[in-house]
Amino acid sequence: MRRMWGRRALAVSAAALLACLGLVAAAAARESGPGSAAAGKTLTVGLAEDPDALDPTLARTFVGRMVFLSMCEKLYDINKDLQIVPQLAARMPKVSSDGKTMTIRLRAGIKFNDGTPLNAQAVKISLDRDRTLARSARASELTPVSSVTTSGSRTVVLHLSAPFAPLTSLLADRAGMVMSPTQLSKLGNSFASNPVCVGPFQFVSRTAGDRIVLKKSNVYYNKSKVKLGGIVYRIIDEPNTMAVNLRSHGIDVGDRLAATSLSSVRHDSSLRLIKAITIGYQGLTLNIGNKTGLRHPYANVGTPLAKHSGLRRAFELSLDRGTINRVVFNNLNLPDCSPISPVLKAWRDPSFKCPKHNLALAKRLVKASGEKTPISVNLMLATDSVNAKLGAVIQSEAGKAGFKVNLQPTEFTTSLNRADAGQFDTFAVGFSGRVDPDGTTYGFIHTGGSLNDSGYSNKTVDRLMDGARASRKLAARKAAYYKAFKIVQRDRPLIYLWHPINYTGVSKKISGVQVFGDGLIRVAFASK
C-alpha cells in the first residue's frame, strides 16, 4: 500500500521497551505450548507506520505488506532481482494461446497455520473473496478474472474476460495470498482479528498503535529454515524515536530511517545500514472528482484545483523537487515526476520529461484562472517531524505562486479513510510500487480503480490502461503506458515528487535481513 509516516507523542525508553519485549516473547512462547518451535529468540522490528487491516483482501498499507511477508505466503513471489518466482505454486503459470485461461499448479503437502490443507479449493475461495468482497482493495487488480475453477486438488484455473498480462505479478502480492478457508468460514469479515495463512510465522496478537506479535509456525513446510521463535513488530512512527530505539537496541531492525538519523547510525559500530532504491513513489494526490466517496459516481468537487487544470499545473510548477529533496531529505531520495522508478529500467519512457520549477509561469497561471488570491488549498499529511518539514516547504513554495496551503496533520489510518471518502483537497501520500506498471498505476488512474481517491476519469487513459492489460506484447504495453502517463502528467490527478531510497537499520547481531527493490524488509529467515 500506500506509504506514509505517522507519529507518536510518547517516546519509549530503551529499558522499558526491552522489558516489555521480554514479556511479549514469554507470552508468545506460552501460547505456543511446551516443546514448541517458539523457544528461539524473538526479533523486534520497528515499523514506521501502523498497518491497516491484516486481511489480504482489504489491506492497503506498505508496512502491512512487511508483516504479511512473515505470515501470509503467496502463489508467487519476487526475488532480489525483482523477478517473479513460484512460492505456493509449484511452477510458473500456464497461459492458453488466446491469453484467456491461466492454469496454476500448487505445491503438495502444504498446510495453513491452523492445520487446514492448502488445496485448489482454498485458493479459489480466497480469489473469489478478493474479487467480490465489499471494500476489497484487490477488486480492480482482478477485474479481468471472470471466474475461478479447480481441476483436482492441486490445480486452479483462472478464466479471464480478456488477456491480462500483469496477472502473475499481482499474484506475487496480496492478490496471491491464500487465506485459510477454515478461518474465513469462522471469522468472515473479521478475518483481520486473527488472520491465518501459510507462512513461517503465525499471528498471536495485536495492540493497535503499538505492536503485532507473531510466533514460529509448527506446521510450516519449510520450518527448518526458520531460526527465530517469534517476531514483534513495534509501531514507532516518529523517525527520531526509531533511531533512538535502534541505537539503544530496543529494536533489532529499524524501518526507513529518516535522513536526519543516518549519520548517527552510520557511526554506530554495532549497527549497519541496508540501502535500497525502491520501485515506489511519493507525491500528492489531488481530489478532482471524489465528491461522495471512492467507487461512487465521480463529480467535480468544485475546489479551485479541481476546476482548473491550469491551477494544478501552477501548483506543480511552484514546487521544486530538488529543494524538497535537499531541505527535507538531505538529498537522500530520488526526485522524479513519473510513477515508474528508474529501478524498473525496462518500463521507463526515455522521452518522459519532468516540468522544471517555474515560479514565474506558475504566477501567470494563477492569475489567468480568475480565482481570488491567495487560493486556499488544504493539504492532508502525516503528523511526524519529517512530514511537518515537507508541509512547510510545500506551504512556502506554493505560497510564492499565490496559493495559501493549509496543513492538516492527520493520523495515518484516519487519513486513508478520509481520502477514500473524498474528504480532502490534496493528500501527501505515495505507493510502494509493483514490478509491473499496472500494479503501480491502474488502481489510481483508471476510472474503475479501487484506489482512485482523486476521482480521476479519462476515457483515453482508461482505454490505454485496459489495452496494456490485454496485450501480450511488451512493446505494445510500453507504448500504451507511455501515452497514458503523459496524459496523466497533463491532467495532474497526482503530482509525483520523488522515489524513496529506503535506509534500513540493522543490529550487527542479526543476520539474514533482506531488503529488495520493493522496499520491504524481509526477516522471516533471519537469525539472532
Protein backbone atom coordinates (compact mmCIF):
# COMPACT_ATOMS: atom_id res chain seq x y z
CA MET A 1 0.00 0.00 0.00
CA ARG A 2 0.40 3.12 0.24
CA ARG A 3 3.11 4.62 2.33
CA MET A 4 3.05 7.46 4.78
CA TRP A 5 4.74 8.38 8.00
CA GLY A 6 2.94 8.90 11.29
CA ARG A 7 3.87 10.00 14.77
CA ARG A 8 3.52 9.01 18.37
CA ALA A 9 3.78 11.67 21.04
CA LEU A 10 5.31 9.43 23.69
CA ALA A 11 8.83 8.08 23.27
CA VAL A 12 9.51 4.74 24.96
CA SER A 13 12.70 4.37 26.94
CA ALA A 14 15.07 1.62 25.91
CA ALA A 15 14.88 -0.12 29.27
CA ALA A 16 11.10 -0.10 29.34
CA LEU A 17 10.94 -1.34 25.77
CA LEU A 18 13.34 -4.21 26.40
CA ALA A 19 11.41 -5.27 29.48
CA CYS A 20 8.17 -5.12 27.54
CA LEU A 21 9.61 -7.22 24.71
CA GLY A 22 10.75 -9.84 27.18
CA LEU A 23 7.18 -10.19 28.42
CA VAL A 24 5.91 -10.40 24.84
CA ALA A 25 8.40 -13.12 23.95
CA ALA A 26 7.45 -15.08 27.03
CA ALA A 27 3.78 -14.72 26.21
CA ALA A 28 4.37 -15.92 22.68
CA ALA A 29 6.26 -18.95 23.96
CA ARG A 30 3.44 -19.80 26.40
CA GLU A 31 0.85 -19.61 23.62
CA SER A 32 2.92 -21.99 21.52
CA GLY A 33 2.86 -24.68 24.15
CA PRO A 34 5.62 -26.76 25.69
CA GLY A 35 8.36 -28.01 23.43
CA SER A 36 7.21 -25.82 20.57
CA ALA A 37 9.43 -24.17 17.97
CA ALA A 38 8.85 -20.80 19.63
CA ALA A 39 11.74 -21.45 22.02
CA GLY A 40 14.02 -19.49 19.64
CA LYS A 41 14.90 -15.83 20.07
CA THR A 42 12.47 -13.03 19.30
CA LEU A 43 13.34 -10.44 16.67
CA THR A 44 11.99 -6.93 17.12
CA VAL A 45 11.28 -4.81 14.04
CA GLY A 46 10.38 -1.13 14.25
CA LEU A 47 7.74 -0.16 11.68
CA ALA A 48 7.41 3.44 10.54
CA GLU A 49 3.60 3.28 10.47
CA ASP A 50 0.79 1.24 11.94
CA PRO A 51 -0.56 -1.25 9.37
CA ASP A 52 -4.22 -1.22 8.50
CA ALA A 53 -6.30 -4.42 8.49
CA LEU A 54 -4.23 -7.63 8.46
CA ASP A 55 -6.57 -9.01 5.83
CA PRO A 56 -5.04 -9.51 2.36
CA THR A 57 -8.34 -8.65 0.67
CA LEU A 58 -8.73 -5.30 2.44
CA ALA A 59 -5.16 -4.28 3.24
CA ARG A 60 -3.58 -1.25 1.60
CA THR A 61 -0.54 -0.20 3.62
CA PHE A 62 3.12 -0.66 2.84
CA VAL A 63 4.01 -1.77 6.37
CA GLY A 64 1.18 -4.28 6.29
CA ARG A 65 2.94 -5.99 3.40
CA MET A 66 6.04 -6.39 5.60
CA VAL A 67 4.04 -8.17 8.28
CA PHE A 68 2.33 -10.35 5.66
CA LEU A 69 5.76 -11.46 4.35
CA SER A 70 6.27 -13.32 7.61
CA MET A 71 2.86 -14.95 7.88
CA CYS A 72 0.97 -14.98 4.55
CA GLU A 73 2.72 -16.57 1.60
CA LYS A 74 1.54 -16.06 -1.98
CA LEU A 75 1.13 -18.08 -5.11
CA TYR A 76 4.20 -16.27 -6.48
CA ASP A 77 6.92 -14.08 -5.01
CA ILE A 78 9.73 -11.84 -6.26
CA ASN A 79 13.46 -12.42 -5.78
CA LYS A 80 16.27 -9.94 -5.17
CA ASP A 81 16.42 -9.18 -8.91
CA LEU A 82 12.69 -8.32 -8.90
CA GLN A 83 11.92 -11.42 -10.96
CA ILE A 84 8.70 -13.33 -10.32
CA VAL A 85 9.21 -16.85 -8.95
CA PRO A 86 6.84 -19.57 -7.65
CA GLN A 87 6.07 -19.69 -3.94
CA LEU A 88 2.93 -21.69 -3.10
CA ALA A 89 2.57 -22.51 -6.79
CA ALA A 90 4.68 -25.42 -7.98
CA ARG A 91 5.78 -23.63 -11.14
CA MET A 92 5.10 -20.54 -13.22
CA PRO A 93 1.52 -20.45 -14.59
CA LYS A 94 0.48 -21.90 -17.91
CA VAL A 95 -1.38 -19.39 -20.09
CA SER A 96 -3.56 -20.50 -23.01
CA SER A 97 -2.76 -19.39 -26.55
CA ASP A 98 -5.62 -16.87 -26.52
CA GLY A 99 -4.48 -15.47 -23.18
CA LYS A 100 -7.86 -16.07 -21.53
CA THR A 101 -7.04 -19.04 -19.30
CA MET A 102 -4.34 -19.26 -16.64
CA THR A 103 -3.63 -22.63 -15.02
CA ILE A 104 -1.76 -22.78 -11.71
CA ARG A 105 -0.39 -25.98 -10.25
CA LEU A 106 0.05 -25.93 -6.46
CA ARG A 107 2.79 -27.43 -4.35
CA ALA A 108 1.88 -30.61 -2.47
CA GLY A 109 1.77 -31.24 1.27
CA ILE A 110 1.37 -27.66 2.45
CA LYS A 111 -0.82 -26.65 5.39
CA PHE A 112 -2.20 -23.40 6.70
CA ASN A 113 -1.07 -22.45 10.17
CA ASP A 114 -4.30 -23.85 11.63
CA GLY A 115 -3.57 -27.25 10.09
CA THR A 116 -6.03 -26.91 7.19
CA PRO A 117 -4.55 -28.38 3.98
CA LEU A 118 -3.74 -25.95 1.18
CA ASN A 119 -5.59 -27.08 -1.93
CA ALA A 120 -7.14 -25.69 -5.09
CA GLN A 121 -10.50 -25.04 -3.42
CA ALA A 122 -8.81 -22.89 -0.75
CA VAL A 123 -7.16 -20.81 -3.46
CA LYS A 124 -10.49 -20.41 -5.26
CA ILE A 125 -12.17 -19.23 -2.04
CA SER A 126 -9.50 -16.57 -1.46
CA LEU A 127 -9.50 -15.34 -5.05
CA ASP A 128 -13.30 -15.15 -5.19
CA ARG A 129 -13.28 -13.20 -1.94
CA ASP A 130 -10.73 -10.77 -3.38
CA ARG A 131 -12.90 -10.28 -6.46
CA THR A 132 -16.26 -9.83 -4.79
CA LEU A 133 -15.98 -8.73 -1.16
CA ALA A 134 -17.30 -5.24 -0.47
CA ARG A 135 -14.43 -2.78 0.06
CA SER A 136 -11.94 -5.22 -1.46
CA ALA A 137 -8.72 -3.41 -2.35
CA ARG A 138 -7.93 -6.28 -4.73
CA ALA A 139 -11.08 -5.98 -6.83
CA SER A 140 -9.68 -3.73 -9.56
CA GLU A 141 -6.48 -5.80 -9.66
CA LEU A 142 -8.53 -8.87 -10.59
CA THR A 143 -11.19 -7.22 -12.77
CA PRO A 144 -10.45 -9.36 -15.86
CA VAL A 145 -10.86 -12.60 -13.87
CA SER A 146 -14.43 -13.65 -14.66
CA SER A 147 -14.37 -16.94 -12.73
CA VAL A 148 -12.12 -19.36 -10.88
CA THR A 149 -12.45 -23.14 -11.12
CA THR A 150 -10.48 -26.13 -9.87
CA SER A 151 -9.24 -29.29 -11.53
CA GLY A 152 -8.45 -31.85 -8.89
CA SER A 153 -6.98 -30.88 -5.54
CA ARG A 154 -3.87 -29.09 -6.81
CA THR A 155 -4.85 -27.22 -9.96
CA VAL A 156 -6.54 -23.82 -10.10
CA VAL A 157 -7.86 -22.37 -13.35
CA LEU A 158 -8.48 -18.64 -13.78
CA HIS A 159 -10.86 -17.75 -16.60
CA LEU A 160 -10.40 -14.25 -17.99
CA SER A 161 -12.72 -12.00 -19.94
CA ALA A 162 -9.67 -10.73 -21.84
CA PRO A 163 -5.93 -11.41 -21.82
CA PHE A 164 -4.38 -9.89 -18.70
CA ALA A 165 -0.61 -9.56 -18.86
CA PRO A 166 0.00 -8.24 -15.30
CA LEU A 167 -1.88 -11.05 -13.56
CA THR A 168 1.14 -13.10 -12.46
CA SER A 169 2.76 -10.01 -10.94
CA LEU A 170 -0.42 -9.30 -8.97
CA LEU A 171 -0.49 -12.88 -7.71
CA ALA A 172 3.02 -12.19 -6.39
CA ASP A 173 1.48 -9.74 -3.94
CA ARG A 174 -1.65 -9.56 -1.75
CA ALA A 175 -3.97 -10.82 -4.50
CA GLY A 176 -1.96 -14.05 -4.45
CA MET A 177 -2.10 -14.55 -0.67
CA VAL A 178 -4.19 -17.56 0.25
CA MET A 179 -6.23 -17.42 3.46
CA SER A 180 -7.30 -20.41 5.49
CA PRO A 181 -10.85 -21.32 4.40
CA THR A 182 -11.48 -22.65 7.90
CA GLN A 183 -10.65 -19.29 9.45
CA LEU A 184 -12.57 -17.39 6.76
CA SER A 185 -15.63 -19.51 7.49
CA LYS A 186 -15.22 -18.87 11.20
CA LEU A 187 -14.48 -15.13 11.14
CA GLY A 188 -15.77 -13.84 7.80
CA ASN A 189 -15.27 -10.09 7.57
CA SER A 190 -13.45 -10.16 10.91
CA PHE A 191 -10.58 -12.24 9.46
CA ALA A 192 -8.10 -9.45 10.31
CA SER A 193 -8.70 -10.01 14.03
CA ASN A 194 -6.94 -13.39 13.82
CA PRO A 195 -5.53 -13.96 10.32
CA VAL A 196 -4.42 -17.45 9.33
CA CYS A 197 -2.41 -18.17 6.19
CA VAL A 198 0.54 -20.31 5.11
CA GLY A 199 3.73 -18.82 6.49
CA PRO A 200 6.84 -19.29 8.60
CA PHE A 201 5.16 -17.38 11.43
CA GLN A 202 1.59 -17.17 12.68
CA PHE A 203 -0.40 -14.41 14.27
CA VAL A 204 -0.53 -14.18 18.10
CA SER A 205 -1.85 -10.73 18.97
CA ARG A 206 -2.11 -7.10 18.01
CA THR A 207 -2.23 -3.96 20.13
CA ALA A 208 -3.38 -1.12 17.89
CA GLY A 209 -0.77 1.59 17.51
CA ASP A 210 1.78 -0.39 19.50
CA ARG A 211 2.71 -3.89 18.34
CA ILE A 212 1.95 -7.02 16.35
CA VAL A 213 3.23 -10.32 17.76
CA LEU A 214 3.94 -13.45 15.68
CA LYS A 215 5.26 -16.87 16.71
CA LYS A 216 7.02 -19.56 14.71
CA SER A 217 4.66 -21.94 12.91
CA ASN A 218 4.89 -25.61 13.81
CA VAL A 219 3.30 -26.74 10.53
CA TYR A 220 5.19 -24.54 8.03
CA TYR A 221 6.51 -26.69 5.20
CA ASN A 222 10.00 -25.17 5.40
CA LYS A 223 10.22 -24.64 9.15
CA SER A 224 13.80 -25.94 9.34
CA LYS A 225 14.88 -22.66 7.72
CA VAL A 226 13.14 -20.60 10.41
CA LYS A 227 15.63 -19.76 13.16
CA LEU A 228 13.60 -17.28 15.19
CA GLY A 229 10.99 -18.22 17.76
CA GLY A 230 8.96 -15.08 17.18
CA ILE A 231 8.78 -11.61 15.68
CA VAL A 232 7.48 -8.47 17.35
CA TYR A 233 6.62 -5.59 15.02
CA ARG A 234 6.74 -2.38 17.06
CA ILE A 235 4.98 0.73 15.76
CA ILE A 236 7.46 3.59 16.11
CA ASP A 237 6.15 6.23 13.77
CA GLU A 238 8.31 9.16 14.86
CA PRO A 239 11.57 8.96 12.84
CA ASN A 240 13.86 10.27 15.60
CA THR A 241 12.39 7.83 18.09
CA MET A 242 13.06 4.99 15.63
CA ALA A 243 16.76 5.84 15.54
CA VAL A 244 16.97 6.19 19.34
CA ASN A 245 15.42 2.74 19.82
CA LEU A 246 17.71 1.21 17.20
CA ARG A 247 20.85 2.65 18.79
CA SER A 248 19.76 1.55 22.25
CA HIS A 249 18.96 -1.92 20.84
CA GLY A 250 15.39 -1.70 21.97
CA ILE A 251 14.69 -2.87 18.41
CA ASP A 252 16.82 -5.07 16.16
CA VAL A 253 15.68 -3.64 12.81
CA GLY A 254 14.54 -0.08 12.03
CA ASP A 255 12.29 0.66 9.07
CA ARG A 256 13.05 3.59 6.70
CA LEU A 257 15.34 5.67 8.85
CA ALA A 258 15.00 9.43 8.40
CA ALA A 259 17.77 11.38 6.69
CA THR A 260 18.49 13.22 9.95
CA SER A 261 19.21 9.90 11.70
CA LEU A 262 21.55 8.30 9.19
CA SER A 263 24.77 9.91 10.39
CA SER A 264 24.35 8.68 13.96
CA VAL A 265 23.52 5.17 12.76
CA ARG A 266 26.47 5.09 10.33
CA HIS A 267 28.83 5.99 13.15
CA ASP A 268 27.46 3.33 15.50
CA SER A 269 29.77 0.31 15.24
CA SER A 270 27.01 -2.00 16.49
CA LEU A 271 24.72 -1.21 13.54
CA ARG A 272 24.69 -1.49 9.77
CA LEU A 273 22.55 0.09 7.03
CA ILE A 274 20.81 -1.56 4.10
CA LYS A 275 20.17 0.87 1.23
CA ALA A 276 17.50 0.16 -1.39
CA ILE A 277 16.34 2.38 -4.25
CA THR A 278 12.69 1.45 -4.40
CA ILE A 279 10.07 0.94 -7.07
CA GLY A 280 7.62 3.13 -5.15
CA TYR A 281 6.82 6.82 -5.38
CA GLN A 282 5.78 9.67 -3.11
CA GLY A 283 3.78 12.71 -4.09
CA LEU A 284 0.47 14.49 -3.87
CA THR A 285 -2.99 13.14 -4.69
CA LEU A 286 -5.34 15.93 -5.79
CA ASN A 287 -9.08 15.48 -5.31
CA ILE A 288 -10.70 16.23 -8.64
CA GLY A 289 -13.86 14.13 -8.73
CA ASN A 290 -14.13 12.16 -5.48
CA LYS A 291 -17.15 14.07 -4.19
CA THR A 292 -19.15 11.33 -2.49
CA GLY A 293 -16.59 8.62 -1.79
CA LEU A 294 -14.48 6.02 -3.54
CA ARG A 295 -16.35 3.94 -6.16
CA HIS A 296 -19.33 6.28 -6.20
CA PRO A 297 -20.05 8.18 -9.43
CA TYR A 298 -17.45 10.88 -9.92
CA ALA A 299 -18.35 14.58 -9.94
CA ASN A 300 -16.07 17.58 -9.87
CA VAL A 301 -15.60 18.62 -6.25
CA GLY A 302 -15.62 22.32 -7.13
CA THR A 303 -12.38 23.43 -5.47
CA PRO A 304 -10.13 25.76 -7.49
CA LEU A 305 -7.62 22.96 -8.11
CA ALA A 306 -10.39 20.61 -9.25
CA LYS A 307 -11.97 23.16 -11.59
CA HIS A 308 -8.79 24.43 -13.28
CA SER A 309 -6.19 22.16 -14.83
CA GLY A 310 -4.07 25.31 -15.21
CA LEU A 311 -4.05 25.75 -11.44
CA ARG A 312 -2.95 22.15 -10.94
CA ARG A 313 -0.12 22.87 -13.35
CA ALA A 314 0.72 26.06 -11.45
CA PHE A 315 0.78 24.15 -8.17
CA GLU A 316 3.26 21.64 -9.58
CA LEU A 317 5.43 24.33 -11.19
CA SER A 318 5.64 26.14 -7.87
CA LEU A 319 7.28 23.10 -6.25
CA ASP A 320 10.98 22.48 -6.69
CA ARG A 321 11.64 18.74 -6.38
CA GLY A 322 15.33 19.38 -5.83
CA THR A 323 14.62 21.77 -2.97
CA ILE A 324 12.26 19.28 -1.35
CA ASN A 325 14.89 16.57 -1.58
CA ARG A 326 17.62 18.83 -0.18
CA VAL A 327 15.72 20.54 2.63
CA VAL A 328 13.54 17.64 3.79
CA PHE A 329 15.71 14.61 2.95
CA ASN A 330 19.33 15.84 2.81
CA ASN A 331 19.44 14.81 -0.87
CA LEU A 332 18.90 11.16 0.07
CA ASN A 333 15.86 10.45 -2.14
CA LEU A 334 15.44 10.44 -5.92
CA PRO A 335 13.40 13.40 -7.31
CA ASP A 336 11.18 12.42 -10.25
CA CYS A 337 7.79 13.06 -11.85
CA SER A 338 6.99 9.54 -13.07
CA PRO A 339 5.21 6.75 -11.21
CA ILE A 340 7.76 4.31 -12.64
CA SER A 341 11.05 4.16 -10.77
CA PRO A 342 14.37 4.10 -12.68
CA VAL A 343 14.97 0.74 -10.97
CA LEU A 344 12.48 -0.68 -13.48
CA LYS A 345 14.59 0.26 -16.50
CA ALA A 346 12.60 -1.87 -18.92
CA TRP A 347 9.46 0.19 -18.26
CA ARG A 348 10.85 3.73 -18.20
CA ASP A 349 9.90 6.07 -21.04
CA PRO A 350 13.15 7.71 -22.22
CA SER A 351 11.18 10.65 -23.68
CA PHE A 352 9.34 11.44 -20.43
CA LYS A 353 10.49 14.82 -19.10
CA CYS A 354 9.76 16.48 -15.77
CA PRO A 355 8.46 20.04 -15.83
CA LYS A 356 11.06 22.35 -14.30
CA HIS A 357 10.36 24.57 -11.34
CA ASN A 358 8.99 27.79 -12.87
CA LEU A 359 7.61 30.27 -10.39
CA ALA A 360 7.02 32.99 -12.97
CA LEU A 361 4.82 30.74 -15.11
CA ALA A 362 3.04 29.44 -12.02
CA LYS A 363 2.12 33.02 -11.06
CA ARG A 364 0.79 33.72 -14.56
CA LEU A 365 -1.35 30.59 -14.48
CA VAL A 366 -2.77 31.53 -11.09
CA LYS A 367 -3.67 34.98 -12.41
CA ALA A 368 -5.20 33.52 -15.59
CA SER A 369 -7.53 31.28 -13.56
CA GLY A 370 -9.54 34.28 -12.39
CA GLU A 371 -9.66 32.88 -8.86
CA LYS A 372 -9.27 35.28 -5.95
CA THR A 373 -5.80 35.03 -4.41
CA PRO A 374 -4.41 33.65 -2.28
CA ILE A 375 -6.08 30.43 -3.41
CA SER A 376 -6.78 28.21 -0.41
CA VAL A 377 -5.57 24.59 -0.64
CA ASN A 378 -5.92 22.10 2.23
CA LEU A 379 -3.07 19.58 2.41
CA MET A 380 -3.63 16.41 4.43
CA LEU A 381 -0.39 14.82 5.58
CA ALA A 382 1.04 12.69 8.36
CA THR A 383 1.84 14.01 11.81
CA ASP A 384 5.57 13.32 12.24
CA SER A 385 8.51 15.72 12.07
CA VAL A 386 9.54 14.77 8.52
CA ASN A 387 6.09 15.47 7.13
CA ALA A 388 5.94 18.69 9.13
CA LYS A 389 9.07 19.82 7.30
CA LEU A 390 7.68 18.62 3.95
CA GLY A 391 4.46 20.53 4.57
CA ALA A 392 6.38 23.68 5.47
CA VAL A 393 8.39 23.53 2.22
CA ILE A 394 5.26 22.99 0.10
CA GLN A 395 3.48 25.76 2.00
CA SER A 396 6.34 28.18 1.39
CA GLU A 397 6.95 27.38 -2.27
CA ALA A 398 3.29 27.28 -3.33
CA GLY A 399 2.69 30.43 -1.32
CA LYS A 400 5.06 32.36 -3.59
CA ALA A 401 2.83 31.48 -6.56
CA GLY A 402 -0.41 32.64 -4.93
CA PHE A 403 -1.61 29.57 -3.01
CA LYS A 404 -2.40 29.50 0.70
CA VAL A 405 -1.62 25.94 1.79
CA ASN A 406 -3.36 24.91 5.00
CA LEU A 407 -1.65 21.95 6.60
CA GLN A 408 -3.91 19.23 8.03
CA PRO A 409 -1.78 16.72 10.01
CA THR A 410 -3.83 13.52 10.25
CA GLU A 411 -3.27 10.12 11.83
CA PHE A 412 -2.32 7.53 9.20
CA THR A 413 -5.32 5.20 9.07
CA THR A 414 -7.72 8.12 9.51
CA SER A 415 -6.13 9.86 6.54
CA LEU A 416 -6.68 6.81 4.33
CA ASN A 417 -10.33 6.65 5.36
CA ARG A 418 -10.81 10.36 4.68
CA ALA A 419 -9.16 10.03 1.30
CA ASP A 420 -11.48 7.16 0.37
CA ALA A 421 -14.46 9.25 1.48
CA GLY A 422 -13.30 12.22 -0.62
CA GLN A 423 -12.81 14.38 2.46
CA PHE A 424 -9.64 16.14 1.32
CA ASP A 425 -8.28 18.65 -1.19
CA THR A 426 -4.74 17.36 -1.54
CA PHE A 427 -3.05 14.44 0.19
CA ALA A 428 0.70 13.89 0.68
CA VAL A 429 0.88 10.15 0.12
CA GLY A 430 2.65 7.59 -2.00
CA PHE A 431 2.62 3.99 -3.11
CA SER A 432 5.18 1.27 -2.61
CA GLY A 433 5.17 0.19 -6.26
CA ARG A 434 4.98 -3.11 -8.11
CA VAL A 435 7.28 -4.80 -10.60
CA ASP A 436 4.65 -4.41 -13.35
CA PRO A 437 3.50 -0.81 -14.08
CA ASP A 438 -0.13 -1.91 -13.97
CA GLY A 439 0.11 -2.62 -10.26
CA THR A 440 1.62 0.80 -9.58
CA THR A 441 -0.84 2.84 -11.62
CA TYR A 442 -4.09 1.18 -12.70
CA GLY A 443 -5.86 1.37 -9.35
CA PHE A 444 -5.06 5.08 -9.01
CA ILE A 445 -5.72 6.49 -12.50
CA HIS A 446 -8.31 4.21 -14.11
CA THR A 447 -11.94 5.25 -13.70
CA GLY A 448 -12.74 1.90 -12.08
CA GLY A 449 -9.60 1.79 -9.94
CA SER A 450 -10.18 0.66 -6.38
CA LEU A 451 -7.57 3.16 -5.12
CA ASN A 452 -8.65 6.12 -7.27
CA ASP A 453 -9.05 8.60 -4.41
CA SER A 454 -8.56 11.55 -6.76
CA GLY A 455 -11.77 10.66 -8.60
CA TYR A 456 -9.89 10.93 -11.89
CA SER A 457 -11.65 9.75 -15.03
CA ASN A 458 -10.26 9.99 -18.56
CA LYS A 459 -11.63 7.70 -21.28
CA THR A 460 -8.40 7.75 -23.27
CA VAL A 461 -6.34 6.80 -20.24
CA ASP A 462 -8.84 4.03 -19.43
CA ARG A 463 -8.57 2.68 -22.98
CA LEU A 464 -4.77 2.76 -22.92
CA MET A 465 -4.55 1.11 -19.50
CA ASP A 466 -7.04 -1.59 -20.49
CA GLY A 467 -5.11 -2.14 -23.70
CA ALA A 468 -1.85 -2.55 -21.81
CA ARG A 469 -3.51 -5.15 -19.59
CA ALA A 470 -4.81 -7.09 -22.57
CA SER A 471 -1.67 -7.04 -24.71
CA ARG A 472 0.82 -9.87 -24.50
CA LYS A 473 3.47 -7.91 -26.42
CA LEU A 474 5.94 -5.96 -24.33
CA ALA A 475 6.43 -3.22 -26.94
CA ALA A 476 2.69 -2.61 -27.22
CA ARG A 477 2.29 -2.46 -23.45
CA LYS A 478 5.15 0.02 -23.15
CA ALA A 479 3.68 2.25 -25.85
CA ALA A 480 0.30 2.29 -24.11
CA TYR A 481 1.82 3.22 -20.76
CA TYR A 482 3.98 5.93 -22.30
CA LYS A 483 0.91 7.61 -23.81
CA ALA A 484 -1.25 7.18 -20.70
CA PHE A 485 1.34 8.62 -18.32
CA LYS A 486 1.82 11.71 -20.49
CA ILE A 487 -1.93 12.39 -20.35
CA VAL A 488 -1.89 11.89 -16.57
CA GLN A 489 1.06 14.26 -16.35
CA ARG A 490 -1.02 16.86 -18.22
CA ASP A 491 -4.19 16.33 -16.14
CA ARG A 492 -2.36 16.02 -12.80
CA PRO A 493 -4.70 13.96 -10.61
CA LEU A 494 -1.42 13.04 -8.91
CA ILE A 495 1.80 15.02 -8.73
CA TYR A 496 4.71 12.62 -8.40
CA LEU A 497 7.61 14.15 -6.46
CA TRP A 498 10.25 11.52 -5.64
CA HIS A 499 11.14 7.84 -5.43
CA PRO A 500 12.14 6.83 -1.90
CA ILE A 501 15.55 5.40 -1.19
CA ASN A 502 14.98 3.28 1.89
CA TYR A 503 17.59 3.02 4.61
CA THR A 504 17.01 0.11 6.96
CA GLY A 505 18.99 -0.02 10.17
CA VAL A 506 20.00 -3.47 11.45
CA SER A 507 21.87 -4.62 14.54
CA LYS A 508 25.08 -6.44 13.63
CA LYS A 509 23.90 -9.24 15.92
CA ILE A 510 21.24 -10.04 13.32
CA SER A 511 21.90 -11.90 10.08
CA GLY A 512 19.67 -12.76 7.16
CA VAL A 513 17.69 -9.48 6.93
CA GLN A 514 16.97 -8.59 3.29
CA VAL A 515 15.52 -5.53 1.54
CA PHE A 516 14.82 -5.74 -2.21
CA GLY A 517 13.81 -3.00 -4.64
CA ASP A 518 10.24 -3.24 -3.42
CA GLY A 519 11.48 -1.70 -0.16
CA LEU A 520 10.02 -4.44 2.02
CA ILE A 521 12.03 -5.71 4.99
CA ARG A 522 12.30 -9.50 4.90
CA VAL A 523 13.06 -11.08 8.27
CA ALA A 524 11.28 -14.45 8.24
CA PHE A 525 14.54 -16.36 7.77
CA ALA A 526 16.77 -14.08 9.81
CA SER A 527 18.68 -15.26 12.87
CA LYS A 528 19.73 -13.61 16.11
